[in-house]
Protein backbone atom coordinates (compact mmCIF):
# COMPACT_ATOMS: atom_id res chain seq x y z
CA UNK A 1 0.00 0.00 0.00
CA UNK A 2 1.32 3.43 -0.88
CA UNK A 3 2.38 5.62 2.01
CA UNK A 4 -0.52 7.76 3.16
CA UNK A 5 -3.14 6.09 0.97
CA UNK A 6 -5.62 3.81 2.67
CA UNK A 7 -7.36 1.43 0.29
CA UNK A 8 -11.12 1.53 0.70
CA UNK A 9 -13.90 -0.96 0.17
CA UNK A 10 -17.07 -0.33 -1.82
CA UNK A 11 -20.07 0.42 0.39
CA UNK A 12 -22.34 -1.49 -1.98
CA UNK A 13 -20.47 -4.68 -2.90
CA UNK A 14 -17.39 -4.67 -0.61
CA UNK A 15 -14.99 -4.80 -3.55
CA UNK A 16 -11.58 -3.52 -2.44
CA UNK A 17 -9.66 -0.76 -4.16
CA UNK A 18 -6.50 -2.00 -5.82
CA UNK A 19 -3.19 -0.23 -5.66
CA UNK A 20 -2.37 1.39 -8.98
CA UNK A 21 -6.04 1.50 -10.02
CA UNK A 22 -8.31 4.57 -9.94
CA UNK A 23 -9.66 5.49 -6.52
CA UNK A 24 -13.28 4.70 -5.74
CA UNK A 25 -15.64 7.66 -5.85
CA UNK A 26 -17.12 9.07 -2.64
CA UNK A 27 -20.90 9.42 -2.45
CA UNK A 28 -21.63 13.06 -3.31
CA UNK A 29 -24.46 13.26 -0.75
CA UNK A 30 -22.19 11.99 2.04
CA UNK A 31 -19.64 14.60 1.05
CA UNK A 32 -22.15 17.46 0.71
CA UNK A 33 -23.92 16.70 4.01
CA UNK A 34 -20.70 16.07 5.96
CA UNK A 35 -21.57 12.44 6.65
CA UNK A 36 -18.97 9.68 7.01
CA UNK A 37 -17.54 9.20 3.53
CA UNK A 38 -18.88 6.14 1.71
CA UNK A 39 -16.96 4.95 -1.34
CA UNK A 40 -18.39 3.13 -4.36
CA UNK A 41 -16.52 1.12 -6.98
CA UNK A 42 -18.74 2.43 -9.78
CA UNK A 43 -21.70 4.67 -10.54
CA UNK A 44 -23.70 1.52 -11.30
CA UNK A 45 -23.01 0.12 -7.82
CA UNK A 46 -24.14 3.41 -6.23
CA UNK A 47 -27.34 3.37 -8.31
CA UNK A 48 -28.04 -0.28 -7.43
CA UNK A 49 -27.67 0.43 -3.69
CA UNK A 50 -29.13 3.93 -3.65
CA UNK A 51 -32.36 3.14 -1.75
CA UNK A 52 -30.46 1.37 1.02
CA UNK A 53 -27.68 3.97 1.09
CA UNK A 54 -30.18 6.84 1.22
CA UNK A 55 -31.81 5.17 4.26
CA UNK A 56 -28.32 4.91 5.77
CA UNK A 57 -27.92 8.70 5.33
CA UNK A 58 -31.08 9.20 7.37
CA UNK A 59 -29.89 6.77 10.04
CA UNK A 60 -26.63 8.68 10.48
CA UNK A 61 -28.49 12.00 10.67
CA UNK A 62 -30.82 10.61 13.35
CA UNK A 63 -27.86 9.27 15.35
CA UNK A 64 -26.20 12.67 15.10
CA UNK A 65 -29.32 14.49 16.25
CA UNK A 66 -29.58 12.08 19.20
CA UNK A 67 -26.00 12.87 20.22
CA UNK A 68 -24.42 9.58 19.14
CA UNK A 69 -21.47 11.20 17.39
CA UNK A 70 -19.04 8.77 19.06
CA UNK A 71 -20.69 5.71 17.46
CA UNK A 72 -20.52 7.39 14.06
CA UNK A 73 -16.87 8.37 14.53
CA UNK A 74 -15.91 4.86 15.68
CA UNK A 75 -16.75 3.35 12.33
CA UNK A 76 -20.52 3.06 12.16
CA UNK A 77 -20.24 3.53 8.39
CA UNK A 78 -17.70 0.74 7.90
CA UNK A 79 -19.42 -1.83 10.11
CA UNK A 80 -22.87 -1.19 8.68
CA UNK A 81 -21.58 -1.28 5.11
CA UNK A 82 -19.76 -4.57 5.61
CA UNK A 83 -22.71 -6.29 7.30
CA UNK A 84 -25.23 -5.10 4.76
CA UNK A 85 -23.00 -5.95 1.79
CA UNK A 86 -22.48 -9.47 3.16
CA UNK A 87 -26.20 -9.90 3.75
CA UNK A 88 -26.90 -8.69 0.22
CA UNK A 89 -24.51 -11.18 -1.33
CA UNK A 90 -26.02 -14.05 0.63
CA UNK A 91 -29.67 -13.07 0.90
CA UNK A 92 -30.54 -11.05 -2.16
CA UNK A 93 -32.91 -8.18 -2.74
CA UNK A 94 -35.75 -9.43 -0.52
CA UNK A 95 -33.49 -9.63 2.53
CA UNK A 96 -32.17 -6.13 1.73
CA UNK A 97 -35.70 -4.75 1.50
CA UNK A 98 -36.84 -6.38 4.74
CA UNK A 99 -33.77 -5.20 6.68
CA UNK A 100 -33.99 -1.68 5.30
CA UNK A 101 -37.72 -1.39 5.94
CA UNK A 102 -37.34 -2.92 9.41
CA UNK A 103 -34.60 -0.44 10.26
CA UNK A 104 -36.78 2.45 9.14
CA UNK A 105 -39.67 1.20 11.30
CA UNK A 106 -37.28 0.99 14.26
CA UNK A 107 -36.06 4.53 13.69
CA UNK A 108 -39.67 5.68 13.83
CA UNK A 109 -40.13 3.65 17.05
CA UNK A 110 -42.65 1.35 15.36
CA UNK A 111 -41.29 -1.64 17.24
CA UNK A 112 -44.12 -4.00 16.32
CA UNK A 113 -43.65 -3.27 12.61
CA UNK A 114 -39.86 -3.59 12.89
CA UNK A 115 -40.10 -6.96 14.67
CA UNK A 116 -42.51 -8.27 12.03
CA UNK A 117 -40.13 -7.34 9.20
CA UNK A 118 -37.01 -8.61 10.99
CA UNK A 119 -38.80 -11.90 11.75
CA UNK A 120 -39.46 -12.33 8.03
CA UNK A 121 -35.79 -11.55 7.32
CA UNK A 122 -34.65 -14.18 9.83
CA UNK A 123 -36.96 -16.72 8.18
CA UNK A 124 -35.19 -16.03 4.86
CA UNK A 125 -31.75 -16.54 6.36
CA UNK A 126 -32.05 -18.49 9.67
CA UNK A 127 -28.32 -19.35 9.56
CA UNK A 128 -27.36 -15.66 9.85
CA UNK A 129 -27.04 -13.86 13.20
């Protein structure tokens, strides 16, 4: 790895940057709204993940407003991206939709709705934590 350059992973598919190759692009919304920088390997990957990534923007904003800046600074973006990318690869679009919708219900404190959606997600992938 070149001195001073940290190779990043794609938020959408977890592909790793390669030394000597062009850098991944940072999400323009993350940059404009001063959110943790999320990198994408291609414009197509950003477009494919946009609904989920847009929901992630809202999650980070809500955490910030609630005073959880430490969790965000400690790598909330990296951990969430890795877990969701792994779930996507293994569970497909339906799992992504259920997890995203369940997370949104939780953020709105609709616990019953969140549990219902997460239960369906677990049924799709019972081998996943």
